[in-house]
């Protein structure tokens, strides 16, 4: 009987180790906040003011992905596309 209890205890430990290994092999989920940017972050990236970024939003140059506490957040993918495409501040 003692051997059966030890066997089950060892089996449980192996199961726990297997779960840890499995979890460590899973891709990390990105936090939503790491996928979003603020106006200030975008302004800094493009060397413009936050007001310019707001104008880009109003003019449809960059879409607002969501709002957090009433403040706009933009997808990093959209910002990267804008960066690749380039922005002319005089026409934006």
C-alpha atoms as a PDB file:
ATOM      1  CA  UNK A   1       0.000   0.000   0.000  1.00  0.00           C
ATOM      2  CA  UNK A   2       2.847   2.401   0.842  1.00  0.00           C
ATOM      3  CA  UNK A   3       4.397   1.694  -2.565  1.00  0.00           C
ATOM      4  CA  UNK A   4       1.149   2.604  -4.307  1.00  0.00           C
ATOM      5  CA  UNK A   5       0.975   5.920  -2.427  1.00  0.00           C
ATOM      6  CA  UNK A   6       4.607   6.702  -3.373  1.00  0.00           C
ATOM      7  CA  UNK A   7       3.905   5.743  -6.970  1.00  0.00           C
ATOM      8  CA  UNK A   8       0.942   8.137  -7.129  1.00  0.00           C
ATOM      9  CA  UNK A   9       2.932  10.898  -5.452  1.00  0.00           C
ATOM     10  CA  UNK A  10       5.740  10.496  -7.997  1.00  0.00           C
ATOM     11  CA  UNK A  11       3.246  10.352 -10.837  1.00  0.00           C
ATOM     12  CA  UNK A  12       1.677  13.583  -9.617  1.00  0.00           C
ATOM     13  CA  UNK A  13       5.119  15.262  -9.464  1.00  0.00           C
ATOM     14  CA  UNK A  14       5.854  14.119 -13.027  1.00  0.00           C
ATOM     15  CA  UNK A  15       2.500  15.486 -14.140  1.00  0.00           C
ATOM     16  CA  UNK A  16       3.264  18.868 -12.538  1.00  0.00           C
ATOM     17  CA  UNK A  17       6.705  18.975 -14.192  1.00  0.00           C
ATOM     18  CA  UNK A  18       5.115  18.110 -17.537  1.00  0.00           C
ATOM     19  CA  UNK A  19       2.632  20.972 -17.152  1.00  0.00           C
ATOM     20  CA  UNK A  20       5.421  23.423 -16.343  1.00  0.00           C
ATOM     21  CA  UNK A  21       7.378  22.344 -19.412  1.00  0.00           C
ATOM     22  CA  UNK A  22       4.266  22.591 -21.592  1.00  0.00           C
ATOM     23  CA  UNK A  23       3.443  26.094 -20.320  1.00  0.00           C
ATOM     24  CA  UNK A  24       7.014  27.297 -20.836  1.00  0.00           C
ATOM     25  CA  UNK A  25       6.861  26.181 -24.470  1.00  0.00           C
ATOM     26  CA  UNK A  26       3.687  28.166 -25.219  1.00  0.00           C
ATOM     27  CA  UNK A  27       4.109  31.497 -27.015  1.00  0.00           C
ATOM     28  CA  UNK A  28       3.756  34.490 -24.755  1.00  0.00           C
ATOM     29  CA  UNK A  29       0.506  36.382 -25.142  1.00  0.00           C
ATOM     30  CA  UNK A  30       1.031  40.070 -25.646  1.00  0.00           C
ATOM     31  CA  UNK A  31      -0.690  42.390 -23.276  1.00  0.00           C
ATOM     32  CA  UNK A  32      -3.157  44.694 -25.069  1.00  0.00           C
ATOM     33  CA  UNK A  33      -1.361  47.734 -23.663  1.00  0.00           C
ATOM     34  CA  UNK A  34       1.878  46.691 -25.374  1.00  0.00           C
ATOM     35  CA  UNK A  35       0.022  46.722 -28.705  1.00  0.00           C
ATOM     36  CA  UNK A  36      -1.312  50.267 -28.239  1.00  0.00           C
ATOM     37  CA  UNK A  37       0.310  53.686 -28.243  1.00  0.00           C
ATOM     38  CA  UNK A  38      -0.658  57.091 -26.841  1.00  0.00           C
ATOM     39  CA  UNK A  39      -0.681  60.382 -28.745  1.00  0.00           C
ATOM     40  CA  UNK A  40       2.392  61.482 -26.839  1.00  0.00           C
ATOM     41  CA  UNK A  41       4.319  58.334 -27.798  1.00  0.00           C
ATOM     42  CA  UNK A  42       3.420  58.798 -31.463  1.00  0.00           C
ATOM     43  CA  UNK A  43       4.266  62.507 -31.334  1.00  0.00           C
ATOM     44  CA  UNK A  44       7.678  61.692 -29.901  1.00  0.00           C
ATOM     45  CA  UNK A  45       8.278  59.049 -32.563  1.00  0.00           C
ATOM     46  CA  UNK A  46       7.458  61.470 -35.419  1.00  0.00           C
ATOM     47  CA  UNK A  47       8.975  64.590 -33.790  1.00  0.00           C
ATOM     48  CA  UNK A  48       5.632  66.422 -33.837  1.00  0.00           C
ATOM     49  CA  UNK A  49       3.215  67.671 -31.208  1.00  0.00           C
ATOM     50  CA  UNK A  50       0.331  65.724 -29.707  1.00  0.00           C
ATOM     51  CA  UNK A  51      -1.969  68.232 -31.402  1.00  0.00           C
ATOM     52  CA  UNK A  52      -0.582  67.170 -34.793  1.00  0.00           C
ATOM     53  CA  UNK A  53      -1.367  63.537 -33.983  1.00  0.00           C
ATOM     54  CA  UNK A  54      -4.902  64.614 -33.054  1.00  0.00           C
ATOM     55  CA  UNK A  55      -5.180  66.356 -36.426  1.00  0.00           C
ATOM     56  CA  UNK A  56      -3.993  63.169 -38.171  1.00  0.00           C
ATOM     57  CA  UNK A  57      -6.755  61.320 -36.348  1.00  0.00           C
ATOM     58  CA  UNK A  58      -9.359  63.916 -37.361  1.00  0.00           C
ATOM     59  CA  UNK A  59      -8.126  63.839 -40.989  1.00  0.00           C
ATOM     60  CA  UNK A  60      -8.302  60.030 -41.102  1.00  0.00           C
ATOM     61  CA  UNK A  61      -4.541  59.533 -41.389  1.00  0.00           C
ATOM     62  CA  UNK A  62      -4.410  57.348 -38.288  1.00  0.00           C
ATOM     63  CA  UNK A  63      -7.436  55.597 -36.765  1.00  0.00           C
ATOM     64  CA  UNK A  64      -8.168  55.404 -33.052  1.00  0.00           C
ATOM     65  CA  UNK A  65      -8.205  51.743 -32.015  1.00  0.00           C
ATOM     66  CA  UNK A  66      -9.868  52.288 -28.649  1.00  0.00           C
ATOM     67  CA  UNK A  67     -10.152  54.707 -25.772  1.00  0.00           C
ATOM     68  CA  UNK A  68      -8.877  54.059 -22.283  1.00  0.00           C
ATOM     69  CA  UNK A  69     -10.262  56.404 -19.631  1.00  0.00           C
ATOM     70  CA  UNK A  70     -11.478  58.615 -22.479  1.00  0.00           C
ATOM     71  CA  UNK A  71      -8.013  58.936 -24.013  1.00  0.00           C
ATOM     72  CA  UNK A  72      -7.324  57.618 -27.508  1.00  0.00           C
ATOM     73  CA  UNK A  73      -5.028  54.672 -28.095  1.00  0.00           C
ATOM     74  CA  UNK A  74      -3.631  53.736 -31.469  1.00  0.00           C
ATOM     75  CA  UNK A  75      -2.518  50.339 -32.740  1.00  0.00           C
ATOM     76  CA  UNK A  76       1.240  49.975 -33.076  1.00  0.00           C
ATOM     77  CA  UNK A  77       0.652  48.255 -36.426  1.00  0.00           C
ATOM     78  CA  UNK A  78      -1.142  51.363 -37.733  1.00  0.00           C
ATOM     79  CA  UNK A  79       1.639  53.593 -36.441  1.00  0.00           C
ATOM     80  CA  UNK A  80       4.294  51.395 -38.060  1.00  0.00           C
ATOM     81  CA  UNK A  81       2.424  51.513 -41.394  1.00  0.00           C
ATOM     82  CA  UNK A  82       2.309  55.289 -41.132  1.00  0.00           C
ATOM     83  CA  UNK A  83       6.010  55.358 -40.348  1.00  0.00           C
ATOM     84  CA  UNK A  84       6.791  53.195 -43.403  1.00  0.00           C
ATOM     85  CA  UNK A  85       4.512  55.259 -45.652  1.00  0.00           C
ATOM     86  CA  UNK A  86       5.752  58.568 -44.330  1.00  0.00           C
ATOM     87  CA  UNK A  87       3.739  61.634 -43.417  1.00  0.00           C
ATOM     88  CA  UNK A  88       3.962  65.080 -44.893  1.00  0.00           C
ATOM     89  CA  UNK A  89       3.128  67.416 -42.002  1.00  0.00           C
ATOM     90  CA  UNK A  90       2.103  70.216 -44.356  1.00  0.00           C
ATOM     91  CA  UNK A  91      -0.612  68.077 -45.967  1.00  0.00           C
ATOM     92  CA  UNK A  92      -1.521  66.042 -42.888  1.00  0.00           C
END
